[in-house]
N, C-alpha and C. Protein backbone atom coordinates (compact mmCIF):
# COMPACT_ATOMS: atom_id res chain seq x y z
N MET A 1 0.82 -1.02 -0.11
CA MET A 1 0.19 -0.03 0.06
C MET A 1 1.00 1.06 0.01
N MET A 2 0.37 2.35 -0.55
CA MET A 2 1.13 3.47 -0.76
C MET A 2 0.27 4.69 0.13
N THR A 3 1.02 5.66 0.78
CA THR A 3 0.15 6.61 1.21
C THR A 3 0.91 7.94 0.98
N PHE A 4 0.10 8.89 0.86
CA PHE A 4 0.47 10.15 0.49
C PHE A 4 -0.18 11.28 1.50
N LEU A 5 0.63 12.21 1.66
CA LEU A 5 -0.07 13.36 2.48
C LEU A 5 -0.55 14.39 1.59
N ASP A 6 -1.89 14.31 1.67
CA ASP A 6 -2.67 15.60 0.93
C ASP A 6 -2.66 16.92 1.71
N LYS A 7 -2.02 17.97 1.18
CA LYS A 7 -2.24 19.06 2.04
C LYS A 7 -2.87 20.39 1.54
N SER A 8 -3.82 19.89 0.69
CA SER A 8 -4.85 20.48 0.07
C SER A 8 -5.80 21.47 0.96
N ASN A 9 -6.38 22.60 0.77
CA ASN A 9 -7.26 23.21 1.60
C ASN A 9 -7.00 23.57 2.96
N ASN A 10 -5.61 23.86 3.11
CA ASN A 10 -5.18 24.10 4.55
C ASN A 10 -5.24 23.03 5.53
N GLN A 11 -5.54 21.78 5.14
CA GLN A 11 -5.62 20.42 5.74
C GLN A 11 -4.70 19.40 5.34
N PHE A 12 -4.29 18.70 6.20
CA PHE A 12 -3.57 17.57 6.34
C PHE A 12 -4.35 16.45 6.44
N THR A 13 -4.44 15.52 5.31
CA THR A 13 -5.14 14.19 5.15
C THR A 13 -4.26 13.19 4.56
N ARG A 14 -4.10 11.99 5.25
CA ARG A 14 -3.47 11.17 4.67
C ARG A 14 -4.19 10.30 3.75
N LYS A 15 -3.58 10.00 2.80
CA LYS A 15 -4.61 9.04 1.81
C LYS A 15 -3.77 7.81 1.49
N TYR A 16 -4.51 6.57 1.25
CA TYR A 16 -4.03 5.40 1.22
C TYR A 16 -4.41 4.98 -0.19
N PHE A 17 -3.51 4.14 -0.81
CA PHE A 17 -3.60 3.68 -2.14
C PHE A 17 -3.01 2.17 -2.34
N PRO A 18 -3.89 1.11 -2.75
CA PRO A 18 -3.35 -0.31 -2.73
C PRO A 18 -2.56 -0.23 -3.92
N LEU A 19 -1.75 -1.09 -3.79
CA LEU A 19 -0.48 -1.49 -5.04
C LEU A 19 -0.90 -2.80 -5.47
N LYS A 20 -1.17 -2.70 -6.89
CA LYS A 20 -1.54 -4.05 -7.47
C LYS A 20 -0.23 -4.83 -7.54
N LEU A 21 0.05 -6.04 -7.12
CA LEU A 21 1.06 -6.73 -7.41
C LEU A 21 1.29 -7.74 -8.56
N GLU A 22 2.47 -7.81 -8.98
CA GLU A 22 2.36 -8.75 -10.01
C GLU A 22 2.13 -10.26 -9.94
N ILE A 23 2.43 -10.72 -8.59
CA ILE A 23 2.02 -12.05 -8.21
C ILE A 23 1.45 -11.66 -6.69
N LYS A 24 0.32 -11.97 -6.61
CA LYS A 24 -0.54 -11.72 -5.57
C LYS A 24 -0.47 -12.53 -4.31
N PHE A 25 -0.54 -14.07 -4.67
CA PHE A 25 -0.29 -15.06 -3.68
C PHE A 25 0.73 -16.12 -4.07
N ILE A 26 1.49 -16.66 -3.43
CA ILE A 26 2.50 -17.84 -3.56
C ILE A 26 2.26 -18.70 -2.63
N TYR A 27 1.97 -19.99 -3.30
CA TYR A 27 1.64 -21.09 -2.65
C TYR A 27 3.12 -21.91 -1.91
N PHE A 28 4.21 -21.62 -2.68
CA PHE A 28 5.33 -22.25 -2.17
C PHE A 28 6.55 -21.31 -2.44
N PHE A 29 7.20 -20.97 -1.46
CA PHE A 29 8.43 -20.30 -1.43
C PHE A 29 9.79 -21.02 -1.22
N PRO A 30 10.01 -21.16 -2.30
CA PRO A 30 11.48 -22.10 -2.43
C PRO A 30 12.71 -21.09 -2.44
N LEU A 31 12.61 -19.83 -2.93
CA LEU A 31 13.71 -19.03 -3.16
C LEU A 31 13.44 -17.66 -2.58
N PRO A 32 14.42 -16.82 -2.56
CA PRO A 32 14.14 -15.40 -2.26
C PRO A 32 13.29 -14.81 -3.26
N TRP A 33 12.08 -13.93 -2.94
CA TRP A 33 11.27 -13.43 -3.88
C TRP A 33 11.40 -11.90 -3.65
N THR A 34 11.22 -11.06 -4.93
CA THR A 34 10.94 -9.98 -4.82
C THR A 34 9.56 -9.53 -5.27
N ILE A 35 8.97 -8.54 -4.24
CA ILE A 35 7.80 -8.03 -4.49
C ILE A 35 7.67 -6.96 -5.65
N VAL A 36 6.74 -7.30 -6.65
CA VAL A 36 6.78 -6.51 -7.74
C VAL A 36 5.44 -5.50 -7.97
N HIS A 37 5.62 -4.39 -7.91
CA HIS A 37 4.42 -3.61 -8.34
C HIS A 37 4.61 -2.86 -9.72
N GLN A 38 4.07 -2.93 -10.78
CA GLN A 38 4.14 -2.34 -12.06
C GLN A 38 3.93 -0.77 -12.31
N ILE A 39 4.67 0.07 -12.57
CA ILE A 39 4.00 1.24 -12.48
C ILE A 39 3.55 1.62 -13.90
N ASP A 40 2.09 1.58 -13.73
CA ASP A 40 1.33 1.70 -15.21
C ASP A 40 0.56 3.04 -14.95
N ASP A 41 -0.31 3.10 -16.09
CA ASP A 41 -1.31 4.15 -15.78
C ASP A 41 -2.34 4.06 -14.72
N ASP A 42 -2.53 2.78 -13.91
CA ASP A 42 -3.34 2.63 -12.95
C ASP A 42 -2.84 2.88 -11.61
N SER A 43 -1.28 2.83 -11.60
CA SER A 43 -0.46 2.89 -10.32
C SER A 43 -0.45 4.46 -9.86
N PRO A 44 -0.73 4.33 -8.60
CA PRO A 44 -0.67 5.75 -7.89
C PRO A 44 0.66 6.22 -7.83
N LEU A 45 1.82 5.77 -8.23
CA LEU A 45 3.08 6.09 -8.55
C LEU A 45 3.50 6.61 -10.12
N PHE A 46 2.29 6.54 -10.84
CA PHE A 46 2.70 6.88 -12.20
C PHE A 46 2.92 8.42 -12.41
N GLY A 47 4.07 8.48 -12.96
CA GLY A 47 4.44 9.93 -13.56
C GLY A 47 5.02 10.43 -12.26
N LYS A 48 5.20 10.02 -10.99
CA LYS A 48 5.78 10.67 -9.82
C LYS A 48 7.49 10.70 -9.87
N THR A 49 7.90 11.73 -9.50
CA THR A 49 9.32 11.66 -9.48
C THR A 49 9.86 11.59 -7.98
N GLU A 50 11.05 11.70 -7.87
CA GLU A 50 11.57 11.55 -6.47
C GLU A 50 11.26 12.82 -5.52
N ASN A 51 11.14 14.14 -6.25
CA ASN A 51 11.00 15.25 -5.50
C ASN A 51 9.50 15.03 -5.23
N ASP A 52 8.55 14.67 -6.01
CA ASP A 52 6.88 14.40 -5.92
C ASP A 52 6.82 13.75 -4.60
N LEU A 53 7.49 12.50 -4.62
CA LEU A 53 7.51 11.47 -3.36
C LEU A 53 7.67 12.35 -2.01
N LYS A 54 8.64 13.32 -2.16
CA LYS A 54 9.28 14.03 -0.76
C LYS A 54 8.11 15.13 -0.62
N GLU A 55 7.67 15.93 -1.55
CA GLU A 55 6.60 16.77 -1.27
C GLU A 55 5.41 15.91 -0.82
N LEU A 56 5.13 14.80 -1.25
CA LEU A 56 3.63 14.25 -0.90
C LEU A 56 4.06 13.38 0.71
N GLU A 57 5.27 13.31 1.07
CA GLU A 57 5.65 12.53 2.16
C GLU A 57 5.08 11.00 2.28
N ALA A 58 5.55 10.65 0.70
CA ALA A 58 5.09 9.08 0.74
C ALA A 58 5.61 8.07 1.58
N GLU A 59 4.76 7.17 1.74
CA GLU A 59 5.19 6.08 2.66
C GLU A 59 4.55 4.83 2.09
N MET A 60 5.44 3.75 1.92
CA MET A 60 5.24 2.46 1.50
C MET A 60 5.10 1.40 2.50
N LEU A 61 3.70 0.92 2.70
CA LEU A 61 3.54 -0.11 3.82
C LEU A 61 3.35 -1.34 3.29
N VAL A 62 4.04 -2.32 3.93
CA VAL A 62 4.12 -3.64 3.44
C VAL A 62 3.80 -4.61 4.23
N MET A 63 2.84 -5.59 4.32
CA MET A 63 2.63 -6.77 5.45
C MET A 63 2.66 -7.99 4.50
N ILE A 64 3.42 -9.02 5.08
CA ILE A 64 3.40 -10.25 4.50
C ILE A 64 3.09 -11.15 5.43
N LYS A 65 2.18 -12.19 5.00
CA LYS A 65 1.52 -13.25 6.07
C LYS A 65 2.04 -14.55 5.21
N GLY A 66 2.59 -15.38 6.14
CA GLY A 66 3.01 -16.64 5.60
C GLY A 66 2.75 -18.02 6.63
N PHE A 67 2.84 -19.14 6.38
CA PHE A 67 2.73 -20.15 7.12
C PHE A 67 3.97 -20.77 7.38
N ASP A 68 4.56 -20.99 8.50
CA ASP A 68 5.73 -21.91 8.88
C ASP A 68 5.38 -23.11 9.09
N ASP A 69 5.83 -24.25 8.30
CA ASP A 69 5.39 -25.47 8.40
C ASP A 69 6.33 -26.17 9.44
N SER A 70 7.27 -25.70 9.98
CA SER A 70 8.03 -26.23 11.16
C SER A 70 7.32 -26.16 12.55
N PHE A 71 6.83 -25.23 12.59
CA PHE A 71 5.99 -24.69 14.05
C PHE A 71 4.72 -24.72 13.84
N SER A 72 4.05 -24.98 12.43
CA SER A 72 2.52 -25.04 12.27
C SER A 72 1.84 -23.62 12.69
N GLN A 73 2.82 -22.58 12.40
CA GLN A 73 2.12 -21.14 12.73
C GLN A 73 2.08 -20.22 11.53
N THR A 74 1.10 -19.30 11.54
CA THR A 74 1.32 -18.13 10.70
C THR A 74 2.12 -17.13 11.37
N VAL A 75 2.78 -16.60 10.34
CA VAL A 75 3.99 -15.72 10.77
C VAL A 75 3.70 -14.46 9.88
N ILE A 76 3.79 -13.33 10.56
CA ILE A 76 3.34 -11.95 9.89
C ILE A 76 4.45 -11.03 10.03
N THR A 77 4.75 -10.12 9.03
CA THR A 77 5.87 -9.33 9.29
C THR A 77 5.22 -7.81 8.35
N ARG A 78 5.46 -6.69 9.02
CA ARG A 78 5.17 -5.57 8.64
C ARG A 78 6.36 -4.56 8.30
N ASN A 79 6.34 -3.66 7.52
CA ASN A 79 7.54 -3.08 7.52
C ASN A 79 6.99 -1.26 6.71
N SER A 80 7.69 -0.34 6.93
CA SER A 80 7.24 0.70 6.37
C SER A 80 8.69 1.27 5.64
N TYR A 81 8.43 1.78 4.40
CA TYR A 81 9.42 2.52 3.88
C TYR A 81 9.20 3.97 3.41
N LYS A 82 9.69 4.93 3.84
CA LYS A 82 9.41 6.17 3.55
C LYS A 82 10.11 6.87 2.14
N TYR A 83 9.57 7.74 1.78
CA TYR A 83 10.16 8.39 0.34
C TYR A 83 11.42 8.45 0.14
N ASP A 84 12.35 8.81 1.48
CA ASP A 84 14.03 8.78 1.56
C ASP A 84 14.72 7.45 1.60
N GLU A 85 13.74 6.39 1.44
CA GLU A 85 14.36 5.23 1.77
C GLU A 85 14.32 4.63 0.66
N ILE A 86 13.63 5.02 -0.72
CA ILE A 86 13.49 4.22 -1.77
C ILE A 86 14.65 4.67 -2.58
N GLU A 87 14.98 3.24 -3.30
CA GLU A 87 16.49 3.47 -4.12
C GLU A 87 15.87 3.69 -5.55
N TRP A 88 16.44 4.88 -6.26
CA TRP A 88 15.83 5.10 -7.59
C TRP A 88 16.62 4.40 -8.68
N ASP A 89 16.39 4.00 -9.71
CA ASP A 89 17.24 3.28 -10.83
C ASP A 89 17.90 2.18 -10.25
N SER A 90 17.32 1.40 -9.30
CA SER A 90 17.88 0.07 -9.02
C SER A 90 17.27 -1.00 -9.05
N LYS A 91 17.87 -2.12 -8.78
CA LYS A 91 17.30 -3.40 -8.56
C LYS A 91 17.99 -4.47 -7.86
N PHE A 92 17.19 -5.26 -7.12
CA PHE A 92 18.04 -6.42 -6.33
C PHE A 92 18.82 -7.04 -7.09
N ILE A 93 20.15 -7.73 -6.54
CA ILE A 93 20.75 -8.53 -7.39
C ILE A 93 20.31 -10.05 -6.88
N ARG A 94 20.53 -10.77 -7.90
CA ARG A 94 20.39 -12.33 -7.66
C ARG A 94 20.92 -12.88 -6.35
N ALA A 95 20.18 -13.72 -5.25
CA ALA A 95 20.92 -13.88 -3.99
C ALA A 95 21.02 -15.56 -4.04
N PHE A 96 21.01 -15.94 -5.10
CA PHE A 96 21.03 -17.58 -5.13
C PHE A 96 21.93 -17.96 -6.26
N THR A 97 22.55 -18.97 -6.16
CA THR A 97 23.42 -19.76 -7.34
C THR A 97 23.11 -21.03 -7.05
N THR A 98 23.35 -21.93 -8.22
CA THR A 98 23.46 -23.18 -8.26
C THR A 98 24.94 -24.02 -8.41
N ASP A 99 24.99 -24.91 -7.50
CA ASP A 99 26.61 -25.41 -7.52
C ASP A 99 26.74 -26.35 -8.65
N GLU A 100 27.95 -27.04 -8.81
CA GLU A 100 28.11 -28.03 -9.55
C GLU A 100 27.24 -29.42 -9.63
N SER A 101 26.78 -29.66 -8.48
CA SER A 101 25.71 -30.76 -8.31
C SER A 101 24.28 -30.48 -8.51
N GLY A 102 24.05 -29.20 -8.84
CA GLY A 102 22.69 -28.65 -9.13
C GLY A 102 21.84 -28.34 -7.86
N GLU A 103 22.56 -28.13 -6.70
CA GLU A 103 22.00 -27.63 -5.56
C GLU A 103 22.03 -26.11 -5.62
N THR A 104 20.86 -25.75 -5.11
CA THR A 104 20.50 -24.28 -4.96
C THR A 104 21.23 -23.90 -3.64
N ILE A 105 21.77 -22.68 -3.76
CA ILE A 105 22.53 -22.08 -2.63
C ILE A 105 22.00 -20.59 -2.29
N VAL A 106 21.08 -20.18 -1.36
CA VAL A 106 21.04 -19.07 -0.98
C VAL A 106 22.17 -18.39 -0.17
N ASP A 107 22.41 -17.23 -0.48
CA ASP A 107 23.52 -16.25 0.00
C ASP A 107 22.66 -15.06 0.93
N LEU A 108 22.59 -15.27 1.95
CA LEU A 108 21.63 -14.57 3.03
C LEU A 108 22.16 -13.14 3.00
N GLU A 109 23.60 -13.04 2.80
CA GLU A 109 24.29 -11.79 2.81
C GLU A 109 23.86 -10.78 1.63
N LYS A 110 23.41 -11.40 0.56
CA LYS A 110 22.80 -10.51 -0.53
C LYS A 110 21.69 -10.27 -0.65
N LEU A 111 20.57 -10.63 0.34
CA LEU A 111 19.11 -10.56 0.08
C LEU A 111 18.79 -8.89 0.10
N SER A 112 19.52 -7.99 0.56
CA SER A 112 18.97 -6.83 0.40
C SER A 112 20.11 -5.84 -0.46
N GLU A 113 21.04 -6.62 -0.94
CA GLU A 113 22.01 -5.98 -2.08
C GLU A 113 21.07 -5.46 -3.25
N THR A 114 21.53 -4.23 -3.84
CA THR A 114 21.10 -3.71 -4.76
C THR A 114 22.16 -3.50 -5.89
N GLU A 115 21.87 -3.04 -6.99
CA GLU A 115 22.78 -2.49 -8.23
C GLU A 115 22.07 -1.35 -8.99
N LYS A 116 22.59 -0.58 -9.51
CA LYS A 116 22.22 0.46 -10.33
C LYS A 116 21.70 -0.10 -11.77
N ILE A 117 20.59 0.22 -12.27
CA ILE A 117 20.26 -0.10 -13.72
C ILE A 117 20.54 1.11 -14.40
N ASN A 118 20.54 0.99 -16.01
CA ASN A 118 20.48 2.09 -16.82
C ASN A 118 19.10 2.53 -17.24
């Protein structure tokens, strides 16, 4: 979800906008996965610049709910990312490789690493 601060009419009102996800539900989570929201004509982010998000005091709210088979419990995590925490023109690097025997290796150190894109 994306939230913007509306400063019109000398009043401050926080407005909330759902973000449509590329994949809404995952049944099995075998590898690290990036949540993707495509910025198109229907996106509340469409046409917004870094400065626009600063002016709107934008904040992205993320809640992920999953099921842990080991303990047979629902797990929920919530995070918030403000406009100044967004990396522009960047993407996450691949955090897993395959070894010579075909085994998938996840490098937990790389889960948050990004690289600039053109």
